[in-house]
C-alpha atoms as a PDB file:
ATOM      1  CA  MET A   1     107.270  90.726 122.495  1.00  0.00           C
ATOM      2  CA  LEU A   2     108.464  92.899 119.357  1.00  0.00           C
ATOM      3  CA  THR A   3     107.509  92.062 115.871  1.00  0.00           C
ATOM      4  CA  ILE A   4     108.640  94.061 113.077  1.00  0.00           C
ATOM      5  CA  ILE A   5     107.173  94.010 109.442  1.00  0.00           C
ATOM      6  CA  ARG A   6     108.027  95.190 106.234  1.00  0.00           C
ATOM      7  CA  THR A   7     105.726  96.897 104.119  1.00  0.00           C
ATOM      8  CA  ASN A   8     104.924 100.072 102.130  1.00  0.00           C
ATOM      9  CA  SER A   9     103.278 103.231 102.755  1.00  0.00           C
ATOM     10  CA  ASP A  10      99.922 102.024 101.828  1.00  0.00           C
ATOM     11  CA  HIS A  11      99.742  99.899 104.988  1.00  0.00           C
ATOM     12  CA  PRO A  12      96.820 101.044 107.433  1.00  0.00           C
ATOM     13  CA  ASP A  13      99.167 100.790 110.631  1.00  0.00           C
ATOM     14  CA  PHE A  14     102.075 102.628 108.860  1.00  0.00           C
ATOM     15  CA  LYS A  15      99.532 105.401 108.047  1.00  0.00           C
ATOM     16  CA  GLY A  16      98.035 105.505 111.482  1.00  0.00           C
ATOM     17  CA  LEU A  17     101.335 105.867 112.982  1.00  0.00           C
ATOM     18  CA  VAL A  18     102.669 108.795 110.869  1.00  0.00           C
ATOM     19  CA  GLN A  19      99.457 110.534 111.524  1.00  0.00           C
ATOM     20  CA  LEU A  20     100.403 110.262 115.268  1.00  0.00           C
ATOM     21  CA  LEU A  21     103.886 111.243 114.176  1.00  0.00           C
ATOM     22  CA  ASP A  22     102.621 114.397 112.176  1.00  0.00           C
ATOM     23  CA  ARG A  23     100.600 115.508 115.153  1.00  0.00           C
ATOM     24  CA  ASP A  24     103.539 114.911 117.383  1.00  0.00           C
ATOM     25  CA  LEU A  25     105.824 117.324 115.026  1.00  0.00           C
ATOM     26  CA  ALA A  26     103.113 119.981 114.771  1.00  0.00           C
ATOM     27  CA  ILE A  27     103.775 120.603 118.236  1.00  0.00           C
ATOM     28  CA  SER A  28     107.679 120.224 118.517  1.00  0.00           C
ATOM     29  CA  ASP A  29     108.279 121.914 114.953  1.00  0.00           C
ATOM     30  CA  GLY A  30     105.819 125.058 115.647  1.00  0.00           C
ATOM     31  CA  ASP A  31     105.819 127.411 113.133  1.00  0.00           C
ATOM     32  CA  ASP A  32     108.202 125.430 111.094  1.00  0.00           C
ATOM     33  CA  HIS A  33     105.714 122.686 110.622  1.00  0.00           C
ATOM     34  CA  ALA A  34     104.592 123.505 107.278  1.00  0.00           C
ATOM     35  CA  PHE A  35     108.043 124.007 105.946  1.00  0.00           C
ATOM     36  CA  TYR A  36     109.008 120.671 107.126  1.00  0.00           C
ATOM     37  CA  ASN A  37     105.839 118.783 106.415  1.00  0.00           C
ATOM     38  CA  GLN A  38     106.343 119.568 102.655  1.00  0.00           C
ATOM     39  CA  PHE A  39     109.166 116.958 102.488  1.00  0.00           C
ATOM     40  CA  ASN A  40     107.123 114.130 104.470  1.00  0.00           C
ATOM     41  CA  SER A  41     104.849 112.864 102.145  1.00  0.00           C
ATOM     42  CA  ILE A  42     104.422 108.974 102.138  1.00  0.00           C
ATOM     43  CA  ALA A  43     103.298 108.567  98.833  1.00  0.00           C
ATOM     44  CA  SER A  44     104.803 105.707  96.863  1.00  0.00           C
ATOM     45  CA  ILE A  45     107.141 104.859  99.945  1.00  0.00           C
ATOM     46  CA  LYS A  46     108.339 101.269  98.866  1.00  0.00           C
ATOM     47  CA  HIS A  47     110.203 100.375 102.199  1.00  0.00           C
ATOM     48  CA  ALA A  48     108.247 101.018 105.577  1.00  0.00           C
ATOM     49  CA  LEU A  49     108.159  99.360 108.931  1.00  0.00           C
ATOM     50  CA  VAL A  50     105.733  98.513 111.451  1.00  0.00           C
ATOM     51  CA  ALA A  51     106.594  97.420 114.945  1.00  0.00           C
ATOM     52  CA  TYR A  52     104.117  95.905 116.950  1.00  0.00           C
ATOM     53  CA  GLU A  53     104.229  94.693 120.689  1.00  0.00           C
ATOM     54  CA  GLU A  54     101.370  92.001 121.116  1.00  0.00           C
ATOM     55  CA  ASP A  55      99.912  92.953 117.927  1.00  0.00           C
ATOM     56  CA  VAL A  56      99.340  96.695 118.589  1.00  0.00           C
ATOM     57  CA  PRO A  57     101.195  98.906 116.108  1.00  0.00           C
ATOM     58  CA  VAL A  58     103.792 101.040 118.232  1.00  0.00           C
ATOM     59  CA  ALA A  59     106.534 102.069 115.955  1.00  0.00           C
ATOM     60  CA  CYS A  60     107.172 102.738 112.569  1.00  0.00           C
ATOM     61  CA  GLY A  61     109.992 104.131 110.094  1.00  0.00           C
ATOM     62  CA  ALA A  62     110.747 104.229 106.409  1.00  0.00           C
ATOM     63  CA  ILE A  63     113.588 104.466 103.795  1.00  0.00           C
ATOM     64  CA  LYS A  64     113.550 106.081 100.659  1.00  0.00           C
ATOM     65  CA  SER A  65     116.031 106.618  97.569  1.00  0.00           C
ATOM     66  CA  TYR A  66     118.456 109.644  98.208  1.00  0.00           C
ATOM     67  CA  ASP A  67     120.968 108.836  95.535  1.00  0.00           C
ATOM     68  CA  PRO A  68     122.209 105.727  94.399  1.00  0.00           C
ATOM     69  CA  GLN A  69     124.176 104.517  97.086  1.00  0.00           C
ATOM     70  CA  SER A  70     122.094 106.044  99.690  1.00  0.00           C
ATOM     71  CA  MET A  71     118.712 105.754 101.360  1.00  0.00           C
ATOM     72  CA  GLU A  72     117.330 108.722 103.444  1.00  0.00           C
ATOM     73  CA  VAL A  73     115.491 107.499 106.709  1.00  0.00           C
ATOM     74  CA  LYS A  74     111.984 108.995 106.940  1.00  0.00           C
ATOM     75  CA  ARG A  75     108.990 108.857 109.358  1.00  0.00           C
ATOM     76  CA  MET A  76     110.642 107.437 112.409  1.00  0.00           C
ATOM     77  CA  PHE A  77     108.004 106.977 114.899  1.00  0.00           C
ATOM     78  CA  THR A  78     107.253 105.509 118.695  1.00  0.00           C
ATOM     79  CA  HIS A  79     104.294 106.032 120.088  1.00  0.00           C
ATOM     80  CA  PRO A  80     104.741 107.933 123.273  1.00  0.00           C
ATOM     81  CA  ASP A  81     103.419 104.918 125.640  1.00  0.00           C
ATOM     82  CA  HIS A  82     106.305 102.792 124.155  1.00  0.00           C
ATOM     83  CA  ARG A  83     109.278 104.894 123.960  1.00  0.00           C
ATOM     84  CA  LYS A  84     112.587 104.212 126.183  1.00  0.00           C
ATOM     85  CA  LYS A  85     112.343 100.251 125.306  1.00  0.00           C
ATOM     86  CA  GLY A  86     114.882 100.253 122.343  1.00  0.00           C
ATOM     87  CA  ILE A  87     112.033  99.977 119.966  1.00  0.00           C
ATOM     88  CA  ALA A  88     113.147 102.915 117.874  1.00  0.00           C
ATOM     89  CA  SER A  89     116.656 101.505 117.647  1.00  0.00           C
ATOM     90  CA  ALA A  90     115.132  98.215 116.474  1.00  0.00           C
ATOM     91  CA  VAL A  91     113.428  99.931 113.836  1.00  0.00           C
ATOM     92  CA  LEU A  92     116.272 101.742 112.721  1.00  0.00           C
ATOM     93  CA  SER A  93     118.386  98.458 112.562  1.00  0.00           C
ATOM     94  CA  GLU A  94     115.773  96.678 110.695  1.00  0.00           C
ATOM     95  CA  LEU A  95     115.941  99.881 108.375  1.00  0.00           C
ATOM     96  CA  GLU A  96     119.491  99.852 107.813  1.00  0.00           C
ATOM     97  CA  GLN A  97     119.420  95.849 107.034  1.00  0.00           C
ATOM     98  CA  TRP A  98     116.849  96.310 104.327  1.00  0.00           C
ATOM     99  CA  ALA A  99     119.252  99.019 102.880  1.00  0.00           C
ATOM    100  CA  VAL A 100     121.971  96.704 102.714  1.00  0.00           C
ATOM    101  CA  GLU A 101     120.032  93.944 101.285  1.00  0.00           C
ATOM    102  CA  LEU A 102     119.000  96.510  98.669  1.00  0.00           C
ATOM    103  CA  GLY A 103     122.884  97.099  97.685  1.00  0.00           C
ATOM    104  CA  ILE A 104     123.138 100.430  99.590  1.00  0.00           C
ATOM    105  CA  SER A 105     126.047 101.590 101.537  1.00  0.00           C
ATOM    106  CA  ARG A 106     124.652 104.576 103.490  1.00  0.00           C
ATOM    107  CA  CYS A 107     121.642 106.101 105.163  1.00  0.00           C
ATOM    108  CA  VAL A 108     121.172 109.811 105.606  1.00  0.00           C
ATOM    109  CA  LEU A 109     118.503 111.427 107.736  1.00  0.00           C
ATOM    110  CA  GLU A 110     117.157 114.916 109.120  1.00  0.00           C
ATOM    111  CA  THR A 111     115.640 115.681 112.517  1.00  0.00           C
ATOM    112  CA  GLY A 112     114.891 118.779 114.292  1.00  0.00           C
ATOM    113  CA  LYS A 113     116.986 120.143 116.736  1.00  0.00           C
ATOM    114  CA  ASN A 114     113.732 120.084 119.025  1.00  0.00           C
ATOM    115  CA  GLN A 115     113.801 116.506 119.187  1.00  0.00           C
ATOM    116  CA  PRO A 116     116.896 115.628 121.615  1.00  0.00           C
ATOM    117  CA  GLU A 117     115.628 112.116 122.127  1.00  0.00           C
ATOM    118  CA  ALA A 118     115.933 111.413 118.413  1.00  0.00           C
ATOM    119  CA  ILE A 119     119.048 113.050 118.034  1.00  0.00           C
ATOM    120  CA  ALA A 120     120.990 110.977 121.288  1.00  0.00           C
ATOM    121  CA  MET A 121     119.243 107.957 119.557  1.00  0.00           C
ATOM    122  CA  TYR A 122     120.885 108.749 116.479  1.00  0.00           C
ATOM    123  CA  TYR A 123     124.309 109.114 117.765  1.00  0.00           C
ATOM    124  CA  ARG A 124     123.818 105.935 119.950  1.00  0.00           C
ATOM    125  CA  CYS A 125     123.235 104.196 116.606  1.00  0.00           C
ATOM    126  CA  GLY A 126     126.351 105.101 115.192  1.00  0.00           C
ATOM    127  CA  TYR A 127     125.115 108.067 112.879  1.00  0.00           C
ATOM    128  CA  GLN A 128     127.520 111.173 112.708  1.00  0.00           C
ATOM    129  CA  ARG A 129     126.128 114.719 111.983  1.00  0.00           C
ATOM    130  CA  ILE A 130     127.034 115.816 108.425  1.00  0.00           C
ATOM    131  CA  PRO A 131     126.157 119.419 106.886  1.00  0.00           C
ATOM    132  CA  ASN A 132     122.438 119.898 105.926  1.00  0.00           C
ATOM    133  CA  TYR A 133     122.025 118.473 102.660  1.00  0.00           C
ATOM    134  CA  GLY A 134     119.357 119.192  99.891  1.00  0.00           C
ATOM    135  CA  GLN A 135     116.225 121.078 101.055  1.00  0.00           C
ATOM    136  CA  TYR A 136     117.507 121.449 104.538  1.00  0.00           C
ATOM    137  CA  GLU A 137     120.720 123.377 103.601  1.00  0.00           C
ATOM    138  CA  GLY A 138     120.704 126.657 105.435  1.00  0.00           C
ATOM    139  CA  VAL A 139     117.993 125.492 107.753  1.00  0.00           C
ATOM    140  CA  VAL A 140     119.224 126.311 111.292  1.00  0.00           C
ATOM    141  CA  ASN A 141     116.885 124.098 113.345  1.00  0.00           C
ATOM    142  CA  SER A 142     117.391 120.958 111.148  1.00  0.00           C
ATOM    143  CA  PHE A 143     120.470 118.307 112.178  1.00  0.00           C
ATOM    144  CA  CYS A 144     121.317 115.922 109.197  1.00  0.00           C
ATOM    145  CA  PHE A 145     123.062 112.727 109.710  1.00  0.00           C
ATOM    146  CA  GLU A 146     124.705 109.838 107.956  1.00  0.00           C
ATOM    147  CA  LYS A 147     126.054 106.327 108.852  1.00  0.00           C
ATOM    148  CA  MET A 148     127.982 104.069 106.557  1.00  0.00           C
ATOM    149  CA  LEU A 149     126.188 100.759 106.289  1.00  0.00           C
ATOM    150  CA  ARG A 150     129.360  98.720 104.599  1.00  0.00           C
END
């Protein structure tokens, strides 16, 4: 059974999953990893989720303020042994619900072109590709997305 808890970036299971995510991204991002990593600090993230299967932490995600009406989805990760079960979609849905509860009307996110599974999941969850925003403008390996929540 899947259980998702709301927490923040200080939660030890969130930190542990983010360490696994960073190792995974170091491989898929290759030489670009240092560039992307500078935008992925988890310090002071107030809205983080951890998903558990049978009390084992298997996935995480977070949102942080992007502008007054938008949250940016960050640090999405599902342990490789638990992929293709819909867990990432469940985490994303819970993040969106949390954003709505906070009065937010839009989520934005960035993912890398070398992460086709993530790209496909974002499309399945109703995200639309947008021009690269902020620090990702002009970065050819970045794909940016948005979803209107209400």
